[in-house]
Amino acid sequence: MPDVFKALADPTRRKVLQILKSGPQTAGELSDAFPVSKPTMSAHFNVLKQAGLVVTEKAGKSVIYHLNVSVLEEALLGFSEAFGFGRAAADTNRETPQ
């Protein structure tokens, strides 16, 4: 989980995740959204990938990034448990009335 919080600590990486909420993007498309060099963005992508927050697929010469929501959810649940909110409360909020 430390890798997840390290990844989330940077505003550029948080913005990448926000962009990926709307759907998969290539590395080039994501890089174009930021005023930094492609090698700098590549370093950000590697941190996100190492934390498990994104998964990649190859499509020809392109790398396509997908948001991995399950890792983010687990990190947030772990964080909430550390501060006494607990998994039971989160599970209760997910239940739908029948």
C-alpha atoms as a PDB file:
ATOM      1  CA  MET A   1       0.000   0.000   0.000  1.00  0.00           C
ATOM      2  CA  PRO A   2       2.896   2.471   0.475  1.00  0.00           C
ATOM      3  CA  ASP A   3       3.444   2.452  -3.299  1.00  0.00           C
ATOM      4  CA  VAL A   4      -0.170   3.507  -3.816  1.00  0.00           C
ATOM      5  CA  PHE A   5       0.104   6.479  -1.479  1.00  0.00           C
ATOM      6  CA  LYS A   6       3.468   7.462  -2.987  1.00  0.00           C
ATOM      7  CA  ALA A   7       1.815   7.432  -6.414  1.00  0.00           C
ATOM      8  CA  LEU A   8      -1.171   9.448  -5.199  1.00  0.00           C
ATOM      9  CA  ALA A   9       1.065  12.044  -3.532  1.00  0.00           C
ATOM     10  CA  ASP A  10       1.932  13.657  -6.865  1.00  0.00           C
ATOM     11  CA  PRO A  11      -0.621  15.972  -8.528  1.00  0.00           C
ATOM     12  CA  THR A  12       0.451  14.935 -12.039  1.00  0.00           C
ATOM     13  CA  ARG A  13      -0.194  11.279 -11.263  1.00  0.00           C
ATOM     14  CA  ARG A  14      -3.555  12.109  -9.670  1.00  0.00           C
ATOM     15  CA  LYS A  15      -4.515  13.980 -12.831  1.00  0.00           C
ATOM     16  CA  VAL A  16      -3.503  10.981 -14.965  1.00  0.00           C
ATOM     17  CA  LEU A  17      -5.869   8.836 -12.891  1.00  0.00           C
ATOM     18  CA  GLN A  18      -8.642  11.410 -13.289  1.00  0.00           C
ATOM     19  CA  ILE A  19      -8.173  11.369 -17.058  1.00  0.00           C
ATOM     20  CA  LEU A  20      -8.254   7.570 -17.110  1.00  0.00           C
ATOM     21  CA  LYS A  21     -11.614   7.590 -15.289  1.00  0.00           C
ATOM     22  CA  SER A  22     -13.178   8.467 -18.643  1.00  0.00           C
ATOM     23  CA  GLY A  23     -11.544   5.488 -20.370  1.00  0.00           C
ATOM     24  CA  PRO A  24      -8.262   4.022 -21.581  1.00  0.00           C
ATOM     25  CA  GLN A  25      -5.681   6.305 -23.185  1.00  0.00           C
ATOM     26  CA  THR A  26      -2.401   5.768 -24.959  1.00  0.00           C
ATOM     27  CA  ALA A  27       0.807   6.993 -23.378  1.00  0.00           C
ATOM     28  CA  GLY A  28       1.027   9.673 -26.078  1.00  0.00           C
ATOM     29  CA  GLU A  29      -2.519  10.913 -25.478  1.00  0.00           C
ATOM     30  CA  LEU A  30      -1.881  11.144 -21.749  1.00  0.00           C
ATOM     31  CA  SER A  31       1.489  12.850 -22.238  1.00  0.00           C
ATOM     32  CA  ASP A  32      -0.065  15.469 -24.492  1.00  0.00           C
ATOM     33  CA  ALA A  33      -2.263  16.601 -21.579  1.00  0.00           C
ATOM     34  CA  PHE A  34       0.780  17.753 -19.567  1.00  0.00           C
ATOM     35  CA  PRO A  35       3.411  20.458 -20.109  1.00  0.00           C
ATOM     36  CA  VAL A  36       6.332  18.135 -19.317  1.00  0.00           C
ATOM     37  CA  SER A  37       8.631  15.922 -21.377  1.00  0.00           C
ATOM     38  CA  LYS A  38       7.662  12.421 -22.464  1.00  0.00           C
ATOM     39  CA  PRO A  39      10.482  10.894 -20.337  1.00  0.00           C
ATOM     40  CA  THR A  40       9.075  12.685 -17.288  1.00  0.00           C
ATOM     41  CA  MET A  41       5.610  11.320 -18.045  1.00  0.00           C
ATOM     42  CA  SER A  42       7.102   7.870 -18.554  1.00  0.00           C
ATOM     43  CA  ALA A  43       8.529   8.048 -15.037  1.00  0.00           C
ATOM     44  CA  HIS A  44       5.071   8.985 -13.703  1.00  0.00           C
ATOM     45  CA  PHE A  45       3.503   6.093 -15.622  1.00  0.00           C
ATOM     46  CA  ASN A  46       6.042   3.695 -14.122  1.00  0.00           C
ATOM     47  CA  VAL A  47       5.196   4.814 -10.575  1.00  0.00           C
ATOM     48  CA  LEU A  48       1.479   4.346 -11.278  1.00  0.00           C
ATOM     49  CA  LYS A  49       2.109   0.937 -12.829  1.00  0.00           C
ATOM     50  CA  GLN A  50       4.353  -0.204  -9.959  1.00  0.00           C
ATOM     51  CA  ALA A  51       1.610   0.793  -7.500  1.00  0.00           C
ATOM     52  CA  GLY A  52      -0.904  -1.220  -9.504  1.00  0.00           C
ATOM     53  CA  LEU A  53      -3.101   1.827 -10.126  1.00  0.00           C
ATOM     54  CA  VAL A  54      -2.871   1.372 -13.884  1.00  0.00           C
ATOM     55  CA  VAL A  55      -2.544  -1.642 -16.124  1.00  0.00           C
ATOM     56  CA  THR A  56      -1.187  -1.572 -19.643  1.00  0.00           C
ATOM     57  CA  GLU A  57      -1.747  -3.352 -22.898  1.00  0.00           C
ATOM     58  CA  LYS A  58       0.267  -3.204 -26.091  1.00  0.00           C
ATOM     59  CA  ALA A  59      -1.510  -2.286 -29.301  1.00  0.00           C
ATOM     60  CA  GLY A  60       1.086  -2.309 -32.047  1.00  0.00           C
ATOM     61  CA  LYS A  61       3.642   0.313 -31.077  1.00  0.00           C
ATOM     62  CA  SER A  62       1.305   1.986 -28.585  1.00  0.00           C
ATOM     63  CA  VAL A  63       0.934   1.340 -24.886  1.00  0.00           C
ATOM     64  CA  ILE A  64      -2.609   1.781 -23.652  1.00  0.00           C
ATOM     65  CA  TYR A  65      -3.194   2.626 -20.002  1.00  0.00           C
ATOM     66  CA  HIS A  66      -6.272   1.540 -18.066  1.00  0.00           C
ATOM     67  CA  LEU A  67      -7.303   2.634 -14.577  1.00  0.00           C
ATOM     68  CA  ASN A  68      -7.216  -0.209 -12.049  1.00  0.00           C
ATOM     69  CA  VAL A  69      -9.977   0.901  -9.699  1.00  0.00           C
ATOM     70  CA  SER A  70      -9.787  -2.153  -7.427  1.00  0.00           C
ATOM     71  CA  VAL A  71      -6.314  -1.209  -6.147  1.00  0.00           C
ATOM     72  CA  LEU A  72      -7.465   2.343  -5.446  1.00  0.00           C
ATOM     73  CA  GLU A  73     -10.543   1.069  -3.612  1.00  0.00           C
ATOM     74  CA  GLU A  74      -8.439  -1.277  -1.468  1.00  0.00           C
ATOM     75  CA  ALA A  75      -6.031   1.532  -0.569  1.00  0.00           C
ATOM     76  CA  LEU A  76      -8.872   3.847   0.412  1.00  0.00           C
ATOM     77  CA  LEU A  77     -10.543   1.123   2.491  1.00  0.00           C
ATOM     78  CA  GLY A  78      -7.237   0.393   4.223  1.00  0.00           C
ATOM     79  CA  PHE A  79      -6.765   4.083   4.906  1.00  0.00           C
ATOM     80  CA  SER A  80     -10.275   4.400   6.333  1.00  0.00           C
ATOM     81  CA  GLU A  81      -9.734   1.360   8.550  1.00  0.00           C
ATOM     82  CA  ALA A  82      -6.521   2.886   9.880  1.00  0.00           C
ATOM     83  CA  PHE A  83      -8.567   5.862  11.063  1.00  0.00           C
ATOM     84  CA  GLY A  84     -11.384   3.795  12.548  1.00  0.00           C
ATOM     85  CA  PHE A  85     -13.964   3.969   9.794  1.00  0.00           C
ATOM     86  CA  GLY A  86     -13.696   0.231   9.160  1.00  0.00           C
ATOM     87  CA  ARG A  87     -14.606  -2.084   6.330  1.00  0.00           C
ATOM     88  CA  ALA A  88     -17.995  -2.913   7.882  1.00  0.00           C
ATOM     89  CA  ALA A  89     -19.126   0.690   7.492  1.00  0.00           C
ATOM     90  CA  ALA A  90     -17.932   0.773   3.879  1.00  0.00           C
ATOM     91  CA  ASP A  91     -19.697  -2.510   3.104  1.00  0.00           C
ATOM     92  CA  THR A  92     -22.907  -1.245   4.689  1.00  0.00           C
ATOM     93  CA  ASN A  93     -22.826   1.849   2.477  1.00  0.00           C
ATOM     94  CA  ARG A  94     -22.564  -0.344  -0.623  1.00  0.00           C
ATOM     95  CA  GLU A  95     -25.645  -2.394   0.147  1.00  0.00           C
ATOM     96  CA  THR A  96     -28.748  -1.501  -1.797  1.00  0.00           C
ATOM     97  CA  PRO A  97     -32.225  -1.795  -0.301  1.00  0.00           C
ATOM     98  CA  GLN A  98     -34.333  -4.610  -1.694  1.00  0.00           C
END
